Each structure stands twice: as C-alpha cells, then as structure tokens.
C-alpha atoms as a PDB file:
ATOM      1  CA  MET A   1     -10.030  28.575 -27.784  1.00  0.00           C
ATOM      2  CA  LYS A   2     -12.242  28.617 -31.025  1.00  0.00           C
ATOM      3  CA  TYR A   3     -15.677  26.965 -30.642  1.00  0.00           C
ATOM      4  CA  ARG A   4     -17.922  25.348 -32.838  1.00  0.00           C
ATOM      5  CA  ALA A   5     -21.470  24.540 -32.858  1.00  0.00           C
ATOM      6  CA  MET A   6     -22.191  20.768 -32.705  1.00  0.00           C
ATOM      7  CA  GLY A   7     -24.597  20.164 -35.219  1.00  0.00           C
ATOM      8  CA  GLY A   8     -28.200  20.758 -34.217  1.00  0.00           C
ATOM      9  CA  THR A   9     -27.959  19.571 -30.909  1.00  0.00           C
ATOM     10  CA  GLY A  10     -27.960  22.893 -29.274  1.00  0.00           C
ATOM     11  CA  ARG A  11     -24.716  22.723 -27.568  1.00  0.00           C
ATOM     12  CA  SER A  12     -20.976  24.131 -28.739  1.00  0.00           C
ATOM     13  CA  ALA A  13     -17.445  22.530 -28.188  1.00  0.00           C
ATOM     14  CA  SER A  14     -14.047  23.587 -28.410  1.00  0.00           C
ATOM     15  CA  GLU A  15     -12.427  22.841 -31.713  1.00  0.00           C
ATOM     16  CA  ILE A  16      -9.806  21.303 -30.014  1.00  0.00           C
ATOM     17  CA  GLY A  17     -11.174  18.421 -27.973  1.00  0.00           C
ATOM     18  CA  PHE A  18     -10.023  15.932 -25.476  1.00  0.00           C
ATOM     19  CA  GLY A  19      -9.173  12.526 -26.871  1.00  0.00           C
ATOM     20  CA  ALA A  20      -9.055  10.206 -23.206  1.00  0.00           C
ATOM     21  CA  TRP A  21      -8.457   7.046 -24.934  1.00  0.00           C
ATOM     22  CA  GLY A  22      -5.114   7.269 -23.183  1.00  0.00           C
ATOM     23  CA  LEU A  23      -6.175   7.588 -19.798  1.00  0.00           C
ATOM     24  CA  GLY A  24      -7.552   4.080 -19.863  1.00  0.00           C
ATOM     25  CA  ALA A  25      -4.035   2.969 -18.878  1.00  0.00           C
ATOM     26  CA  THR A  26      -4.117  -0.267 -20.383  1.00  0.00           C
ATOM     27  CA  MET A  27      -3.244  -0.132 -24.411  1.00  0.00           C
ATOM     28  CA  TRP A  28      -1.073   3.076 -24.296  1.00  0.00           C
ATOM     29  CA  ARG A  29       1.362   2.848 -21.746  1.00  0.00           C
ATOM     30  CA  GLY A  30       4.120   4.757 -19.966  1.00  0.00           C
ATOM     31  CA  VAL A  31       1.858   7.803 -18.410  1.00  0.00           C
ATOM     32  CA  SER A  32       0.598   7.939 -14.906  1.00  0.00           C
ATOM     33  CA  ASP A  33      -2.863   8.661 -13.961  1.00  0.00           C
ATOM     34  CA  ASP A  34      -1.487  11.747 -12.145  1.00  0.00           C
ATOM     35  CA  GLU A  35       0.327  12.750 -15.658  1.00  0.00           C
ATOM     36  CA  GLY A  36      -3.052  12.475 -17.647  1.00  0.00           C
ATOM     37  CA  ALA A  37      -4.997  14.188 -14.983  1.00  0.00           C
ATOM     38  CA  ALA A  38      -2.791  16.786 -15.288  1.00  0.00           C
ATOM     39  CA  ALA A  39      -2.859  16.830 -18.950  1.00  0.00           C
ATOM     40  CA  LEU A  40      -6.872  17.251 -18.814  1.00  0.00           C
ATOM     41  CA  GLU A  41      -6.944  19.856 -16.194  1.00  0.00           C
ATOM     42  CA  THR A  42      -4.421  21.832 -18.366  1.00  0.00           C
ATOM     43  CA  ALA A  43      -6.613  21.203 -21.612  1.00  0.00           C
ATOM     44  CA  LEU A  44      -9.582  22.434 -19.592  1.00  0.00           C
ATOM     45  CA  ALA A  45      -7.482  25.724 -18.529  1.00  0.00           C
ATOM     46  CA  LEU A  46      -6.866  26.500 -21.913  1.00  0.00           C
ATOM     47  CA  GLY A  47     -10.529  26.403 -23.068  1.00  0.00           C
ATOM     48  CA  VAL A  48     -11.013  22.796 -24.083  1.00  0.00           C
ATOM     49  CA  SER A  49     -14.735  22.063 -23.575  1.00  0.00           C
ATOM     50  CA  PHE A  50     -15.006  18.873 -25.052  1.00  0.00           C
ATOM     51  CA  ILE A  51     -13.948  15.169 -23.785  1.00  0.00           C
ATOM     52  CA  ASP A  52     -14.072  11.695 -25.436  1.00  0.00           C
ATOM     53  CA  THR A  53     -13.798   8.967 -23.695  1.00  0.00           C
ATOM     54  CA  ALA A  54     -15.288   5.234 -23.968  1.00  0.00           C
ATOM     55  CA  LEU A  55     -16.516   2.571 -21.496  1.00  0.00           C
ATOM     56  CA  ALA A  56     -13.617   0.005 -22.846  1.00  0.00           C
ATOM     57  CA  TYR A  57     -10.835   2.223 -22.030  1.00  0.00           C
ATOM     58  CA  GLY A  58      -9.353   0.809 -19.024  1.00  0.00           C
ATOM     59  CA  ASP A  59     -12.971  -1.013 -18.389  1.00  0.00           C
ATOM     60  CA  GLY A  60     -14.140   2.420 -17.382  1.00  0.00           C
ATOM     61  CA  HIS A  61     -10.898   3.781 -16.047  1.00  0.00           C
ATOM     62  CA  SER A  62     -10.820   6.471 -18.127  1.00  0.00           C
ATOM     63  CA  GLU A  63     -14.283   7.575 -17.395  1.00  0.00           C
ATOM     64  CA  ARG A  64     -13.451   7.322 -13.363  1.00  0.00           C
ATOM     65  CA  LEU A  65     -10.337   9.489 -13.962  1.00  0.00           C
ATOM     66  CA  ILE A  66     -12.261  11.973 -15.883  1.00  0.00           C
ATOM     67  CA  ALA A  67     -14.829  12.103 -13.444  1.00  0.00           C
ATOM     68  CA  LYS A  68     -12.450  12.843 -10.326  1.00  0.00           C
ATOM     69  CA  THR A  69     -10.126  15.285 -12.084  1.00  0.00           C
ATOM     70  CA  LEU A  70     -13.748  17.407 -13.346  1.00  0.00           C
ATOM     71  CA  ALA A  71     -14.432  17.023  -9.622  1.00  0.00           C
ATOM     72  CA  ARG A  72     -11.460  18.575  -8.303  1.00  0.00           C
ATOM     73  CA  VAL A  73     -11.056  21.445 -10.933  1.00  0.00           C
ATOM     74  CA  LYS A  74     -14.517  22.179 -11.035  1.00  0.00           C
ATOM     75  CA  PRO A  75     -14.416  23.922 -14.530  1.00  0.00           C
ATOM     76  CA  SER A  76     -16.722  27.126 -14.772  1.00  0.00           C
ATOM     77  CA  SER A  77     -17.829  26.698 -18.106  1.00  0.00           C
ATOM     78  CA  GLU A  78     -20.168  24.018 -19.793  1.00  0.00           C
ATOM     79  CA  ILE A  79     -18.075  20.669 -20.764  1.00  0.00           C
ATOM     80  CA  THR A  80     -19.456  18.252 -22.949  1.00  0.00           C
ATOM     81  CA  ILE A  81     -18.110  14.705 -22.467  1.00  0.00           C
ATOM     82  CA  ALA A  82     -19.168  12.026 -25.050  1.00  0.00           C
ATOM     83  CA  THR A  83     -18.414   8.380 -24.309  1.00  0.00           C
ATOM     84  CA  LYS A  84     -19.165   5.010 -25.952  1.00  0.00           C
ATOM     85  CA  ILE A  85     -20.653   1.366 -25.363  1.00  0.00           C
ATOM     86  CA  PRO A  86     -18.697  -1.489 -26.261  1.00  0.00           C
ATOM     87  CA  PRO A  87     -19.620  -4.081 -28.598  1.00  0.00           C
ATOM     88  CA  GLN A  88     -20.875  -6.979 -26.114  1.00  0.00           C
ATOM     89  CA  ASN A  89     -19.163  -9.436 -28.731  1.00  0.00           C
ATOM     90  CA  GLY A  90     -15.782  -7.679 -28.200  1.00  0.00           C
ATOM     91  CA  GLU A  91     -15.419  -7.315 -31.948  1.00  0.00           C
ATOM     92  CA  TRP A  92     -13.700  -4.361 -33.399  1.00  0.00           C
ATOM     93  CA  PRO A  93     -14.426  -3.311 -36.044  1.00  0.00           C
ATOM     94  CA  ALA A  94     -17.676  -4.633 -36.661  1.00  0.00           C
ATOM     95  CA  ARG A  95     -17.998  -7.230 -39.253  1.00  0.00           C
ATOM     96  CA  PRO A  96     -21.133  -7.182 -41.952  1.00  0.00           C
ATOM     97  CA  ASP A  97     -22.366 -11.013 -41.165  1.00  0.00           C
ATOM     98  CA  SER A  98     -22.569 -10.115 -37.350  1.00  0.00           C
ATOM     99  CA  LEU A  99     -25.890  -9.790 -35.494  1.00  0.00           C
ATOM    100  CA  ILE A 100     -27.032  -6.441 -33.615  1.00  0.00           C
ATOM    101  CA  ARG A 101     -28.455  -8.851 -31.173  1.00  0.00           C
ATOM    102  CA  ASP A 102     -25.178  -9.957 -30.057  1.00  0.00           C
ATOM    103  CA  VAL A 103     -23.332  -6.270 -30.326  1.00  0.00           C
ATOM    104  CA  PHE A 104     -25.620  -4.176 -28.835  1.00  0.00           C
ATOM    105  CA  PRO A 105     -28.986  -5.916 -27.611  1.00  0.00           C
ATOM    106  CA  PRO A 106     -31.097  -3.483 -25.761  1.00  0.00           C
ATOM    107  CA  GLY A 107     -29.954  -5.028 -22.267  1.00  0.00           C
ATOM    108  CA  HIS A 108     -26.303  -4.158 -23.223  1.00  0.00           C
ATOM    109  CA  VAL A 109     -27.232  -0.484 -24.442  1.00  0.00           C
ATOM    110  CA  ARG A 110     -28.784   0.008 -21.006  1.00  0.00           C
ATOM    111  CA  LYS A 111     -26.349  -1.667 -18.888  1.00  0.00           C
ATOM    112  CA  ALA A 112     -23.594  -0.047 -20.399  1.00  0.00           C
ATOM    113  CA  THR A 113     -24.957   3.595 -20.293  1.00  0.00           C
ATOM    114  CA  GLU A 114     -25.796   2.893 -16.348  1.00  0.00           C
ATOM    115  CA  THR A 115     -22.269   1.940 -15.759  1.00  0.00           C
ATOM    116  CA  SER A 116     -20.774   5.023 -17.967  1.00  0.00           C
ATOM    117  CA  LEU A 117     -23.166   7.419 -15.771  1.00  0.00           C
ATOM    118  CA  SER A 118     -21.778   5.940 -12.860  1.00  0.00           C
ATOM    119  CA  ASN A 119     -18.221   5.908 -13.438  1.00  0.00           C
ATOM    120  CA  LEU A 120     -18.582   9.629 -14.749  1.00  0.00           C
ATOM    121  CA  SER A 121     -20.666  10.398 -11.690  1.00  0.00           C
ATOM    122  CA  VAL A 122     -23.466  12.466 -13.822  1.00  0.00           C
ATOM    123  CA  ASP A 123     -27.282  12.406 -14.295  1.00  0.00           C
ATOM    124  CA  ALA A 124     -26.997  12.428 -18.033  1.00  0.00           C
ATOM    125  CA  LEU A 125     -24.591  11.580 -20.890  1.00  0.00           C
ATOM    126  CA  ASP A 126     -24.081  14.250 -23.052  1.00  0.00           C
ATOM    127  CA  VAL A 127     -23.141  12.154 -25.917  1.00  0.00           C
ATOM    128  CA  GLN A 128     -23.635   8.294 -25.965  1.00  0.00           C
ATOM    129  CA  GLN A 129     -22.109   6.622 -29.007  1.00  0.00           C
ATOM    130  CA  PHE A 130     -22.065   2.851 -30.303  1.00  0.00           C
ATOM    131  CA  HIS A 131     -18.450   2.118 -30.368  1.00  0.00           C
ATOM    132  CA  VAL A 132     -18.542   0.013 -33.784  1.00  0.00           C
ATOM    133  CA  TRP A 133     -21.284   0.192 -36.107  1.00  0.00           C
ATOM    134  CA  HIS A 134     -22.559  -1.347 -39.393  1.00  0.00           C
ATOM    135  CA  ASP A 135     -25.559  -0.356 -41.740  1.00  0.00           C
ATOM    136  CA  ALA A 136     -26.241  -4.130 -42.655  1.00  0.00           C
ATOM    137  CA  TRP A 137     -27.739  -4.239 -38.726  1.00  0.00           C
ATOM    138  CA  LEU A 138     -30.548  -1.589 -40.021  1.00  0.00           C
ATOM    139  CA  ALA A 139     -31.933  -4.384 -41.907  1.00  0.00           C
ATOM    140  CA  GLN A 140     -32.114  -6.936 -38.709  1.00  0.00           C
ATOM    141  CA  PRO A 141     -35.382  -7.302 -36.852  1.00  0.00           C
ATOM    142  CA  GLU A 142     -33.682  -6.845 -33.665  1.00  0.00           C
ATOM    143  CA  TRP A 143     -32.646  -3.146 -34.475  1.00  0.00           C
ATOM    144  CA  GLN A 144     -35.651  -1.676 -33.515  1.00  0.00           C
ATOM    145  CA  ALA A 145     -35.568  -3.198 -30.343  1.00  0.00           C
ATOM    146  CA  THR A 146     -32.055  -1.819 -29.696  1.00  0.00           C
ATOM    147  CA  ARG A 147     -33.502   1.583 -31.380  1.00  0.00           C
ATOM    148  CA  GLY A 148     -36.466   1.598 -28.869  1.00  0.00           C
ATOM    149  CA  GLU A 149     -34.216   1.226 -25.989  1.00  0.00           C
ATOM    150  CA  MET A 150     -32.291   4.160 -26.971  1.00  0.00           C
ATOM    151  CA  GLU A 151     -35.275   6.321 -27.317  1.00  0.00           C
ATOM    152  CA  ALA A 152     -36.228   5.316 -23.919  1.00  0.00           C
ATOM    153  CA  LEU A 153     -32.909   6.165 -22.272  1.00  0.00           C
ATOM    154  CA  ARG A 154     -33.448   9.462 -23.879  1.00  0.00           C
ATOM    155  CA  SER A 155     -36.664  10.079 -22.687  1.00  0.00           C
ATOM    156  CA  GLU A 156     -35.529   9.063 -18.844  1.00  0.00           C
ATOM    157  CA  GLY A 157     -33.129  11.865 -19.601  1.00  0.00           C
ATOM    158  CA  LYS A 158     -30.033   9.303 -19.333  1.00  0.00           C
ATOM    159  CA  VAL A 159     -28.694  10.281 -22.952  1.00  0.00           C
ATOM    160  CA  ARG A 160     -28.907  13.782 -24.387  1.00  0.00           C
ATOM    161  CA  HIS A 161     -27.772  13.028 -28.011  1.00  0.00           C
ATOM    162  CA  TRP A 162     -26.582   9.869 -29.396  1.00  0.00           C
ATOM    163  CA  GLY A 163     -23.762   9.089 -31.802  1.00  0.00           C
ATOM    164  CA  ILE A 164     -21.908   6.543 -33.856  1.00  0.00           C
ATOM    165  CA  SER A 165     -18.002   5.959 -33.608  1.00  0.00           C
ATOM    166  CA  ILE A 166     -17.602   4.822 -37.271  1.00  0.00           C
ATOM    167  CA  ASN A 167     -15.390   1.761 -37.946  1.00  0.00           C
ATOM    168  CA  ALA A 168     -11.883   2.811 -38.773  1.00  0.00           C
ATOM    169  CA  HIS A 169     -11.133   3.964 -42.373  1.00  0.00           C
ATOM    170  CA  ALA A 170     -15.192   2.936 -43.276  1.00  0.00           C
ATOM    171  CA  PRO A 171     -17.265   6.017 -43.252  1.00  0.00           C
ATOM    172  CA  GLU A 172     -19.484   4.176 -45.648  1.00  0.00           C
ATOM    173  CA  THR A 173     -20.621   1.571 -42.903  1.00  0.00           C
ATOM    174  CA  ALA A 174     -22.825   4.069 -41.009  1.00  0.00           C
ATOM    175  CA  LEU A 175     -24.102   6.529 -44.063  1.00  0.00           C
ATOM    176  CA  ARG A 176     -27.789   4.767 -43.790  1.00  0.00           C
ATOM    177  CA  ALA A 177     -27.846   5.032 -39.987  1.00  0.00           C
ATOM    178  CA  LEU A 178     -26.845   8.613 -39.847  1.00  0.00           C
ATOM    179  CA  VAL A 179     -30.178   9.385 -42.153  1.00  0.00           C
ATOM    180  CA  ASP A 180     -32.110   8.527 -38.527  1.00  0.00           C
ATOM    181  CA  PRO A 181     -32.807  11.841 -36.566  1.00  0.00           C
ATOM    182  CA  LEU A 182     -32.017   9.668 -33.528  1.00  0.00           C
ATOM    183  CA  PHE A 183     -28.335  10.346 -34.671  1.00  0.00           C
ATOM    184  CA  GLU A 184     -26.961  13.706 -34.241  1.00  0.00           C
ATOM    185  CA  ALA A 185     -23.220  12.823 -34.158  1.00  0.00           C
ATOM    186  CA  ALA A 186     -20.802  11.153 -35.620  1.00  0.00           C
ATOM    187  CA  GLN A 187     -16.983  10.158 -35.109  1.00  0.00           C
ATOM    188  CA  VAL A 188     -14.420   9.570 -37.518  1.00  0.00           C
ATOM    189  CA  ILE A 189     -11.493   9.177 -38.678  1.00  0.00           C
ATOM    190  CA  TYR A 190     -10.004  11.824 -40.494  1.00  0.00           C
ATOM    191  CA  ASN A 191      -6.489  13.076 -41.315  1.00  0.00           C
ATOM    192  CA  ILE A 192      -4.096  13.891 -44.196  1.00  0.00           C
ATOM    193  CA  PHE A 193      -3.608  10.488 -44.822  1.00  0.00           C
ATOM    194  CA  ASP A 194      -7.147   9.394 -44.633  1.00  0.00           C
ATOM    195  CA  ARG A 195      -9.280  11.785 -46.450  1.00  0.00           C
ATOM    196  CA  SER A 196     -12.183   9.138 -47.119  1.00  0.00           C
ATOM    197  CA  PRO A 197     -15.012  11.274 -45.259  1.00  0.00           C
ATOM    198  CA  GLU A 198     -14.761  13.821 -47.790  1.00  0.00           C
ATOM    199  CA  ARG A 199     -16.420  11.825 -50.324  1.00  0.00           C
ATOM    200  CA  GLU A 200     -20.010  11.141 -48.772  1.00  0.00           C
ATOM    201  CA  LEU A 201     -19.897  11.502 -44.947  1.00  0.00           C
ATOM    202  CA  PHE A 202     -19.203  15.602 -44.658  1.00  0.00           C
ATOM    203  CA  PRO A 203     -21.813  15.919 -47.590  1.00  0.00           C
ATOM    204  CA  LEU A 204     -24.175  14.037 -45.700  1.00  0.00           C
ATOM    205  CA  ALA A 205     -23.267  15.783 -42.188  1.00  0.00           C
ATOM    206  CA  ALA A 206     -23.785  19.452 -43.630  1.00  0.00           C
ATOM    207  CA  ASP A 207     -26.872  18.333 -45.058  1.00  0.00           C
ATOM    208  CA  ARG A 208     -28.210  16.716 -41.912  1.00  0.00           C
ATOM    209  CA  ASN A 209     -26.576  19.071 -39.649  1.00  0.00           C
ATOM    210  CA  LEU A 210     -24.604  16.272 -37.778  1.00  0.00           C
ATOM    211  CA  ALA A 211     -21.718  16.942 -35.199  1.00  0.00           C
ATOM    212  CA  ILE A 212     -18.579  15.554 -36.750  1.00  0.00           C
ATOM    213  CA  ILE A 213     -16.083  14.582 -34.011  1.00  0.00           C
ATOM    214  CA  VAL A 214     -12.389  13.562 -35.896  1.00  0.00           C
ATOM    215  CA  ARG A 215     -10.490  11.091 -34.137  1.00  0.00           C
ATOM    216  CA  VAL A 216      -6.834  10.095 -35.282  1.00  0.00           C
ATOM    217  CA  PRO A 217      -5.688  13.120 -36.307  1.00  0.00           C
ATOM    218  CA  PHE A 218      -2.008  12.282 -36.052  1.00  0.00           C
ATOM    219  CA  ASP A 219      -2.613   8.899 -37.464  1.00  0.00           C
ATOM    220  CA  GLU A 220      -1.858   7.345 -33.847  1.00  0.00           C
ATOM    221  CA  GLY A 221       1.479   9.090 -34.096  1.00  0.00           C
ATOM    222  CA  SER A 222       2.490   9.076 -37.602  1.00  0.00           C
ATOM    223  CA  LEU A 223       1.629  12.539 -38.478  1.00  0.00           C
ATOM    224  CA  THR A 224       3.672  13.874 -35.519  1.00  0.00           C
ATOM    225  CA  GLY A 225       6.631  12.875 -37.004  1.00  0.00           C
ATOM    226  CA  SER A 226       7.762  11.068 -33.743  1.00  0.00           C
ATOM    227  CA  ILE A 227       7.328   7.719 -35.149  1.00  0.00           C
ATOM    228  CA  ARG A 228      10.902   6.733 -36.592  1.00  0.00           C
ATOM    229  CA  ALA A 229      12.236   2.949 -38.255  1.00  0.00           C
ATOM    230  CA  ASP A 230      14.073   2.604 -34.641  1.00  0.00           C
ATOM    231  CA  THR A 231      11.284   3.856 -32.424  1.00  0.00           C
ATOM    232  CA  THR A 232      10.442   1.443 -29.551  1.00  0.00           C
ATOM    233  CA  PHE A 233       7.107   1.350 -27.372  1.00  0.00           C
ATOM    234  CA  PRO A 234       6.394   0.698 -23.667  1.00  0.00           C
ATOM    235  CA  ALA A 235       5.747  -3.112 -22.725  1.00  0.00           C
ATOM    236  CA  GLY A 236       2.356  -4.077 -23.743  1.00  0.00           C
ATOM    237  CA  ASP A 237       1.648  -0.669 -25.661  1.00  0.00           C
ATOM    238  CA  TRP A 238      -0.785  -1.405 -28.361  1.00  0.00           C
ATOM    239  CA  ARG A 239       1.259   0.727 -30.670  1.00  0.00           C
ATOM    240  CA  GLU A 240       3.912  -2.230 -30.847  1.00  0.00           C
ATOM    241  CA  ARG A 241       1.498  -4.065 -32.952  1.00  0.00           C
ATOM    242  CA  TYR A 242      -0.029  -1.509 -34.898  1.00  0.00           C
ATOM    243  CA  PHE A 243       3.293  -0.117 -36.063  1.00  0.00           C
ATOM    244  CA  ARG A 244       4.742  -3.563 -36.329  1.00  0.00           C
ATOM    245  CA  GLY A 245       7.065  -4.991 -39.209  1.00  0.00           C
ATOM    246  CA  ASP A 246       7.984  -2.599 -41.736  1.00  0.00           C
ATOM    247  CA  ARG A 247       5.335  -0.026 -40.635  1.00  0.00           C
ATOM    248  CA  ARG A 248       7.539   1.984 -38.647  1.00  0.00           C
ATOM    249  CA  ARG A 249      10.071   3.327 -41.424  1.00  0.00           C
ATOM    250  CA  GLN A 250       6.848   3.468 -44.041  1.00  0.00           C
ATOM    251  CA  ALA A 251       5.436   6.165 -41.289  1.00  0.00           C
ATOM    252  CA  ALA A 252       8.341   7.846 -41.259  1.00  0.00           C
ATOM    253  CA  GLU A 253       8.848   8.286 -45.007  1.00  0.00           C
ATOM    254  CA  HIS A 254       5.171   9.614 -45.135  1.00  0.00           C
ATOM    255  CA  ALA A 255       5.589  11.961 -42.402  1.00  0.00           C
ATOM    256  CA  ASP A 256       8.747  13.367 -43.827  1.00  0.00           C
ATOM    257  CA  GLY A 257       7.324  13.692 -47.101  1.00  0.00           C
ATOM    258  CA  LEU A 258       5.100  16.648 -45.664  1.00  0.00           C
ATOM    259  CA  ARG A 259       8.236  18.269 -43.954  1.00  0.00           C
ATOM    260  CA  PRO A 260       8.799  20.498 -46.988  1.00  0.00           C
ATOM    261  CA  LEU A 261       4.849  21.792 -46.746  1.00  0.00           C
ATOM    262  CA  LEU A 262       5.893  23.192 -43.314  1.00  0.00           C
ATOM    263  CA  GLY A 263       6.310  26.989 -42.941  1.00  0.00           C
ATOM    264  CA  ASP A 264       4.152  30.172 -41.932  1.00  0.00           C
ATOM    265  CA  GLU A 265       0.751  28.773 -42.231  1.00  0.00           C
ATOM    266  CA  ALA A 266       1.967  25.163 -40.131  1.00  0.00           C
ATOM    267  CA  GLY A 267       5.576  25.188 -38.306  1.00  0.00           C
ATOM    268  CA  THR A 268       5.149  21.773 -37.135  1.00  0.00           C
ATOM    269  CA  LEU A 269       3.831  18.594 -38.479  1.00  0.00           C
ATOM    270  CA  SER A 270       1.400  18.093 -35.530  1.00  0.00           C
ATOM    271  CA  GLU A 271       0.121  21.836 -36.175  1.00  0.00           C
ATOM    272  CA  LEU A 272      -0.323  20.722 -39.852  1.00  0.00           C
ATOM    273  CA  ALA A 273      -2.222  17.798 -39.115  1.00  0.00           C
ATOM    274  CA  LEU A 274      -4.494  19.842 -36.793  1.00  0.00           C
ATOM    275  CA  ARG A 275      -5.173  22.811 -38.884  1.00  0.00           C
ATOM    276  CA  PHE A 276      -5.778  20.599 -42.077  1.00  0.00           C
ATOM    277  CA  VAL A 277      -8.994  18.868 -39.957  1.00  0.00           C
ATOM    278  CA  LEU A 278     -10.285  22.397 -38.549  1.00  0.00           C
ATOM    279  CA  SER A 279      -9.843  23.273 -42.238  1.00  0.00           C
ATOM    280  CA  ARG A 280     -12.948  21.728 -42.949  1.00  0.00           C
ATOM    281  CA  PRO A 281     -16.267  23.372 -41.833  1.00  0.00           C
ATOM    282  CA  GLU A 282     -18.007  19.957 -41.570  1.00  0.00           C
ATOM    283  CA  VAL A 283     -16.192  19.455 -38.673  1.00  0.00           C
ATOM    284  CA  THR A 284     -16.866  20.554 -35.024  1.00  0.00           C
ATOM    285  CA  THR A 285     -14.119  19.192 -33.242  1.00  0.00           C
ATOM    286  CA  VAL A 286     -10.994  17.067 -33.408  1.00  0.00           C
ATOM    287  CA  ILE A 287      -9.891  15.145 -30.468  1.00  0.00           C
ATOM    288  CA  PRO A 288      -6.373  14.430 -30.156  1.00  0.00           C
ATOM    289  CA  GLY A 289      -4.917  12.123 -27.546  1.00  0.00           C
ATOM    290  CA  MET A 290      -3.435  14.392 -24.611  1.00  0.00           C
ATOM    291  CA  ARG A 291      -1.500  12.203 -21.821  1.00  0.00           C
ATOM    292  CA  ARG A 292       0.896  15.323 -20.937  1.00  0.00           C
ATOM    293  CA  ARG A 293       0.905  18.756 -20.196  1.00  0.00           C
ATOM    294  CA  THR A 294       2.895  19.491 -23.027  1.00  0.00           C
ATOM    295  CA  HIS A 295       0.286  17.709 -25.289  1.00  0.00           C
ATOM    296  CA  ALA A 296      -2.556  19.990 -23.989  1.00  0.00           C
ATOM    297  CA  GLU A 297      -0.555  22.731 -24.681  1.00  0.00           C
ATOM    298  CA  ALA A 298       0.610  22.168 -28.040  1.00  0.00           C
ATOM    299  CA  ASN A 299      -2.731  20.855 -29.494  1.00  0.00           C
ATOM    300  CA  ALA A 300      -4.597  23.798 -27.877  1.00  0.00           C
ATOM    301  CA  ALA A 301      -2.605  26.294 -29.729  1.00  0.00           C
ATOM    302  CA  ALA A 302      -3.749  25.084 -33.095  1.00  0.00           C
ATOM    303  CA  SER A 303      -7.298  27.096 -32.258  1.00  0.00           C
ATOM    304  CA  ASP A 304      -6.567  30.378 -33.328  1.00  0.00           C
ATOM    305  CA  GLY A 305      -9.047  30.673 -36.340  1.00  0.00           C
ATOM    306  CA  ARG A 306      -6.364  30.607 -38.505  1.00  0.00           C
ATOM    307  CA  LEU A 307      -7.139  27.919 -41.721  1.00  0.00           C
ATOM    308  CA  LEU A 308      -4.882  26.539 -43.996  1.00  0.00           C
ATOM    309  CA  SER A 309      -4.959  27.950 -47.442  1.00  0.00           C
ATOM    310  CA  PRO A 310      -6.696  26.813 -50.798  1.00  0.00           C
ATOM    311  CA  ALA A 311      -2.897  26.252 -51.841  1.00  0.00           C
ATOM    312  CA  LEU A 312      -1.820  24.211 -49.047  1.00  0.00           C
ATOM    313  CA  LEU A 313      -4.573  22.070 -49.228  1.00  0.00           C
ATOM    314  CA  ALA A 314      -4.296  21.593 -52.634  1.00  0.00           C
ATOM    315  CA  ARG A 315      -0.657  20.444 -52.300  1.00  0.00           C
ATOM    316  CA  LEU A 316      -1.796  17.712 -49.437  1.00  0.00           C
ATOM    317  CA  GLN A 317      -4.109  15.947 -51.563  1.00  0.00           C
ATOM    318  CA  ALA A 318      -1.167  14.275 -53.082  1.00  0.00           C
ATOM    319  CA  HIS A 319      -0.428  12.652 -49.437  1.00  0.00           C
ATOM    320  CA  ALA A 320      -3.528  10.915 -49.280  1.00  0.00           C
ATOM    321  CA  TRP A 321      -2.499   7.393 -48.123  1.00  0.00           C
ATOM    322  CA  ASP A 322      -4.740   4.369 -48.771  1.00  0.00           C
ATOM    323  CA  LYS A 323      -4.016   1.738 -45.610  1.00  0.00           C
ATOM    324  CA  ASN A 324      -6.053   0.412 -42.636  1.00  0.00           C
ATOM    325  CA  TRP A 325      -3.318  -0.748 -40.231  1.00  0.00           C
ATOM    326  CA  LEU A 326      -6.162  -1.025 -37.524  1.00  0.00           C
ATOM    327  CA  ARG A 327      -8.287  -3.680 -39.709  1.00  0.00           C
ATOM    328  CA  ASP A 328      -4.831  -5.817 -41.438  1.00  0.00           C
END
C-alpha cells in the first residue's frame, strides 16, 4: 500500500481508502454486518489507513460498526476516519435557493458532530465534512454563525480538520468555500466518466494544498463491468432506482467500450478505474465501497505505485460521459 499526504493537514492516508456507505445496511442491501466488518478488517490488514463514513449511513450504523471493528482489531498504525454531517432539511443535493439556517445551523452542526463522536467512540473527529454544500450559502448572514461553531468545535478539540463533500457531479458549487482556510479537504466524484474536477477543483486543490478524497470511482458499479441490462438488485437496494429504466443497458455499453483498453497497464475494468483516479497527483485517496473481503483485496492491490501511461490516459478522454443519475 502506498500513502499520500493529506494536503496541509500533516496527516497521511492510504491511496486506497475504505468507503463505508455500504456498512450502513439501509441503502446497500445483501451483505451482513459480519461480512462488512470482515471487509474492513481485511482492508486494514492490507494497509488501508483511511475510512470514510457518514452519520446518515444507516443513521449512524456504519459509524458504530466501524468503531466495533476497530476496537476488536486494534490496528497498530494511525487510522484516519472522515465522517459527515447530514443536511438538517434532508435534501441531497443542496439547492442554490436553500438556506444554510435550514441545512447546517450551528446547533445541528454541534449535535451531529457529538453524535458521531459517540458512535465512533473517539474524542476527536479526524475529518468532519458537510455532506452537501452550495456556495450560495456564503452570502447568507447565518453562515458566519455556522462558521463560528465550526471554529469552536475545532478549538475544543472535537474536530481536527473540516471538509466538504461536494454535490454529485457539481464541483463548481464548492469552489468559493474551499478558498476559506478553515476547509482543508474536499470529497468529490471523479472517475473515467466524470472528469469535471479536472477543470477547476484540481487546480484549486494544488494551489491551496487541499486533501482530495475521491468517491464513486466505479460509478456505482458501472465501471466494474458488473452492471448488465438484466442485472437485478436485492429488495430495497437504492441501485434499483439509480439504474432504473434503460440505464443498466447504457452502463453496460459504456463499460464494454473500455474493454479494448485492458492489458498490461490494467487487467480488469475495476483496476483501470482505480489506476485512472490514482494517476492524478492532486488526489489524496480514493474510497471505493468495500462490503466483502474480495472487494478489499482487489481494491488494495491497485496501490502499487504504477500509474497509467500518458498514452492510455489520452485514450480514456474519449470515454467521458456527461450524466447525473443521482439528481435526474
């Protein structure tokens, strides 16, 4: 496992992080807590040192399962855990006409932070993130009260570093906030299909020395090649809606278009997807979901220092795909 500096935080993170949305046991179905805990234990044994979760993942279930697993495994090296404050109004993504007093008022920010501290059984959150964001809030007077609460939580030692989990496929909605030195990390969707962070976010991250956490490297499964026109999901799984209608066929066609590019640099679509993300120097860590031991083993193997060649990266440019199924 290779490690990268987390921007200017003074911390480092494994290139492959552990995405723990699936441990919430509500939106992702079909895997037990024991299987999820085993996946996390395997990832830790393979050198994964960064875990990303959220209070909204199963109403804290993901956080509590992480705490239980870490207490049992007792890793000897430093583990960084990032979590997130859910929007009080329950709206994903954040709307530009919403009010920060309805989404992240000071009392909600503190209560969510203290709940996550309890769930994770820690005295301080390594990285606390807003689960949605919109720069329109910066012009609202109430933002200063929220920002003051963030500073207070940091001075009290309850939050070490603040970050933003950027709206899906919309990095432009957080660029102004990320100029504020209070924010030291940004989490964003970036993959072979969605290259939007390359335009403005990555240059800003390089200039400000921000930690960049990349989520959805597999486009919710499309870029693993496992989504076919006839794929079915467990009852209640959120992907049934995400891949509704003709989307499964579209996903399969776009993934199949990448197969001719497989070879010595990447033998599988999953490996290609992870190596694509890691080939960007601005990226600190990529957090694929891992709900089974086999996921952890395959994902960790992509961190061996081998980046994709400029020639292959150039060929991948033609496979960008402009869509936003998380919103539409």
